[in-house]
Amino acid sequence: MQWYRELLDLTESVRLNATKNWAKSVYWMVCLEVDWFDEIARDRFMQELRTRGIDTRPYFCTLSSMPMYAQVPLPIAARKSQIGLNLPCYFKLSRIQVERIAREVNSVLDEMRPQ
């Protein structure tokens, strides 16, 4: 996680997992949130990374979007599911691999950033 924090161009609107000062995260996944994404932009971003050999996954879907729990979506959960994705993470991921991933993530974000 620290390598990603060092290498990604993070801003207030492009961020990684948030951790409260009273908590310690186990960073099961490396989660990237981009405030200016909607579901279409997020999917386009993920597809572009895939063409560059980097696999990502969207955040989990909201419970309210599942048929057995169907209800009006909770706005924060619905928004998080649109703007978030999981970056590659694996205990044997090397610094060189994270550098390449971060370089491509930064490049695609720059290409897609609204003017």
C-alpha atoms as a PDB file:
ATOM      1  CA  MET A   1       0.000   0.000   0.000  1.00  0.00           C
ATOM      2  CA  GLN A   2       2.803   2.426   0.851  1.00  0.00           C
ATOM      3  CA  TRP A   3       4.350   2.002  -2.593  1.00  0.00           C
ATOM      4  CA  TYR A   4       1.054   2.925  -4.225  1.00  0.00           C
ATOM      5  CA  ARG A   5       0.762   5.962  -1.923  1.00  0.00           C
ATOM      6  CA  GLU A   6       4.245   7.098  -2.940  1.00  0.00           C
ATOM      7  CA  LEU A   7       3.807   6.543  -6.678  1.00  0.00           C
ATOM      8  CA  LEU A   8       0.235   7.493  -7.544  1.00  0.00           C
ATOM      9  CA  ASP A   9      -0.708  11.102  -8.252  1.00  0.00           C
ATOM     10  CA  LEU A  10      -3.122  11.345  -5.339  1.00  0.00           C
ATOM     11  CA  THR A  11      -5.222  14.433  -4.723  1.00  0.00           C
ATOM     12  CA  GLU A  12      -8.306  15.272  -2.735  1.00  0.00           C
ATOM     13  CA  SER A  13     -10.400  13.813  -5.574  1.00  0.00           C
ATOM     14  CA  VAL A  14      -8.128  10.830  -6.376  1.00  0.00           C
ATOM     15  CA  ARG A  15      -7.395   8.805  -3.263  1.00  0.00           C
ATOM     16  CA  LEU A  16      -6.633   5.400  -1.826  1.00  0.00           C
ATOM     17  CA  ASN A  17      -8.140   3.558   1.123  1.00  0.00           C
ATOM     18  CA  ALA A  18      -9.066   5.915   3.900  1.00  0.00           C
ATOM     19  CA  THR A  19      -8.112   4.900   7.416  1.00  0.00           C
ATOM     20  CA  LYS A  20      -9.406   6.672  10.486  1.00  0.00           C
ATOM     21  CA  ASN A  21      -6.755   7.793  12.964  1.00  0.00           C
ATOM     22  CA  TRP A  22      -8.170   5.406  15.573  1.00  0.00           C
ATOM     23  CA  ALA A  23      -8.075   2.372  13.249  1.00  0.00           C
ATOM     24  CA  LYS A  24      -5.480   0.220  11.550  1.00  0.00           C
ATOM     25  CA  SER A  25      -6.318  -1.210   8.138  1.00  0.00           C
ATOM     26  CA  VAL A  26      -5.171  -4.637   7.003  1.00  0.00           C
ATOM     27  CA  TYR A  27      -5.423  -3.362   3.389  1.00  0.00           C
ATOM     28  CA  TRP A  28      -7.070  -6.515   2.112  1.00  0.00           C
ATOM     29  CA  MET A  29      -7.503  -4.629  -1.158  1.00  0.00           C
ATOM     30  CA  VAL A  30      -5.921  -1.512  -2.589  1.00  0.00           C
ATOM     31  CA  CYS A  31      -8.925   0.685  -3.294  1.00  0.00           C
ATOM     32  CA  LEU A  32      -8.753   3.694  -5.607  1.00  0.00           C
ATOM     33  CA  GLU A  33     -11.550   6.266  -5.631  1.00  0.00           C
ATOM     34  CA  VAL A  34     -11.840   8.957  -8.294  1.00  0.00           C
ATOM     35  CA  ASP A  35     -14.502  11.558  -7.517  1.00  0.00           C
ATOM     36  CA  TRP A  36     -15.042  12.585 -11.140  1.00  0.00           C
ATOM     37  CA  PHE A  37     -15.835   9.038 -12.240  1.00  0.00           C
ATOM     38  CA  ASP A  38     -19.298   7.754 -12.893  1.00  0.00           C
ATOM     39  CA  GLU A  39     -19.883   4.084 -13.684  1.00  0.00           C
ATOM     40  CA  ILE A  40     -19.206   4.592 -17.397  1.00  0.00           C
ATOM     41  CA  ALA A  41     -15.924   6.470 -16.811  1.00  0.00           C
ATOM     42  CA  ARG A  42     -14.812   3.942 -14.202  1.00  0.00           C
ATOM     43  CA  ASP A  43     -15.453   1.060 -16.606  1.00  0.00           C
ATOM     44  CA  ARG A  44     -13.634   2.894 -19.428  1.00  0.00           C
ATOM     45  CA  PHE A  45     -10.681   3.485 -17.087  1.00  0.00           C
ATOM     46  CA  MET A  46     -10.598  -0.183 -16.126  1.00  0.00           C
ATOM     47  CA  GLN A  47     -10.801  -1.269 -19.774  1.00  0.00           C
ATOM     48  CA  GLU A  48      -7.925   1.009 -20.746  1.00  0.00           C
ATOM     49  CA  LEU A  49      -5.787  -0.425 -17.952  1.00  0.00           C
ATOM     50  CA  ARG A  50      -6.722  -3.934 -19.125  1.00  0.00           C
ATOM     51  CA  THR A  51      -5.428  -3.108 -22.633  1.00  0.00           C
ATOM     52  CA  ARG A  52      -2.159  -2.156 -20.928  1.00  0.00           C
ATOM     53  CA  GLY A  53      -1.993  -5.500 -19.115  1.00  0.00           C
ATOM     54  CA  ILE A  54      -3.310  -4.348 -15.731  1.00  0.00           C
ATOM     55  CA  ASP A  55      -6.345  -6.076 -14.272  1.00  0.00           C
ATOM     56  CA  THR A  56      -8.620  -4.213 -11.870  1.00  0.00           C
ATOM     57  CA  ARG A  57     -11.972  -4.908 -10.260  1.00  0.00           C
ATOM     58  CA  PRO A  58     -14.857  -2.572  -9.466  1.00  0.00           C
ATOM     59  CA  TYR A  59     -15.855  -2.020  -5.865  1.00  0.00           C
ATOM     60  CA  PHE A  60     -18.442  -4.365  -4.493  1.00  0.00           C
ATOM     61  CA  CYS A  61     -21.965  -3.669  -5.663  1.00  0.00           C
ATOM     62  CA  THR A  62     -24.410  -2.273  -3.151  1.00  0.00           C
ATOM     63  CA  LEU A  63     -26.710  -4.677  -1.335  1.00  0.00           C
ATOM     64  CA  SER A  64     -29.680  -2.607  -2.471  1.00  0.00           C
ATOM     65  CA  SER A  65     -28.822  -3.457  -6.095  1.00  0.00           C
ATOM     66  CA  MET A  66     -29.257  -7.187  -5.448  1.00  0.00           C
ATOM     67  CA  PRO A  67     -32.756  -8.544  -6.203  1.00  0.00           C
ATOM     68  CA  MET A  68     -33.208 -10.179  -2.800  1.00  0.00           C
ATOM     69  CA  TYR A  69     -32.413  -6.901  -0.997  1.00  0.00           C
ATOM     70  CA  ALA A  70     -33.892  -4.481  -3.535  1.00  0.00           C
ATOM     71  CA  GLN A  71     -34.650  -1.093  -2.091  1.00  0.00           C
ATOM     72  CA  VAL A  72     -33.918   2.518  -2.823  1.00  0.00           C
ATOM     73  CA  PRO A  73     -30.115   2.748  -2.975  1.00  0.00           C
ATOM     74  CA  LEU A  74     -28.383   4.459  -0.096  1.00  0.00           C
ATOM     75  CA  PRO A  75     -26.746   7.479  -1.750  1.00  0.00           C
ATOM     76  CA  ILE A  76     -23.236   7.191  -0.281  1.00  0.00           C
ATOM     77  CA  ALA A  77     -22.962   3.460  -0.941  1.00  0.00           C
ATOM     78  CA  ALA A  78     -24.316   3.928  -4.468  1.00  0.00           C
ATOM     79  CA  ARG A  79     -21.804   6.705  -5.183  1.00  0.00           C
ATOM     80  CA  LYS A  80     -18.859   4.735  -3.765  1.00  0.00           C
ATOM     81  CA  SER A  81     -19.706   1.778  -5.997  1.00  0.00           C
ATOM     82  CA  GLN A  82     -19.559   4.100  -9.042  1.00  0.00           C
ATOM     83  CA  ILE A  83     -16.253   5.802  -8.276  1.00  0.00           C
ATOM     84  CA  GLY A  84     -14.214   2.980  -6.788  1.00  0.00           C
ATOM     85  CA  LEU A  85     -12.086   0.152  -8.064  1.00  0.00           C
ATOM     86  CA  ASN A  86      -9.506  -2.240  -6.698  1.00  0.00           C
ATOM     87  CA  LEU A  87      -5.937  -2.141  -7.967  1.00  0.00           C
ATOM     88  CA  PRO A  88      -3.730  -5.221  -8.216  1.00  0.00           C
ATOM     89  CA  CYS A  89      -2.507  -6.474  -4.874  1.00  0.00           C
ATOM     90  CA  TYR A  90      -0.654  -9.632  -4.027  1.00  0.00           C
ATOM     91  CA  PHE A  91       1.837 -10.366  -1.301  1.00  0.00           C
ATOM     92  CA  LYS A  92       4.573 -11.065  -3.870  1.00  0.00           C
ATOM     93  CA  LEU A  93       3.913  -7.965  -5.977  1.00  0.00           C
ATOM     94  CA  SER A  94       7.314  -6.330  -6.463  1.00  0.00           C
ATOM     95  CA  ARG A  95       8.192  -2.664  -6.262  1.00  0.00           C
ATOM     96  CA  ILE A  96       8.971  -2.722 -10.004  1.00  0.00           C
ATOM     97  CA  GLN A  97       5.510  -4.127 -10.740  1.00  0.00           C
ATOM     98  CA  VAL A  98       3.812  -1.497  -8.557  1.00  0.00           C
ATOM     99  CA  GLU A  99       5.854   1.222 -10.275  1.00  0.00           C
ATOM    100  CA  ARG A 100       4.571   0.043 -13.666  1.00  0.00           C
ATOM    101  CA  ILE A 101       0.973  -0.165 -12.429  1.00  0.00           C
ATOM    102  CA  ALA A 102       1.184   3.313 -10.887  1.00  0.00           C
ATOM    103  CA  ARG A 103       2.727   4.765 -14.045  1.00  0.00           C
ATOM    104  CA  GLU A 104      -0.135   3.389 -16.158  1.00  0.00           C
ATOM    105  CA  VAL A 105      -2.812   4.445 -13.649  1.00  0.00           C
ATOM    106  CA  ASN A 106      -1.393   7.983 -13.582  1.00  0.00           C
ATOM    107  CA  SER A 107      -1.197   8.066 -17.379  1.00  0.00           C
ATOM    108  CA  VAL A 108      -4.800   6.928 -17.910  1.00  0.00           C
ATOM    109  CA  LEU A 109      -6.067   9.309 -15.220  1.00  0.00           C
ATOM    110  CA  ASP A 110      -4.267  12.178 -16.975  1.00  0.00           C
ATOM    111  CA  GLU A 111      -5.822  11.195 -20.312  1.00  0.00           C
ATOM    112  CA  MET A 112      -9.316  11.005 -18.819  1.00  0.00           C
ATOM    113  CA  ARG A 113      -9.192  13.963 -16.427  1.00  0.00           C
ATOM    114  CA  PRO A 114     -11.964  16.473 -17.156  1.00  0.00           C
ATOM    115  CA  GLN A 115     -10.780  19.845 -18.353  1.00  0.00           C
END
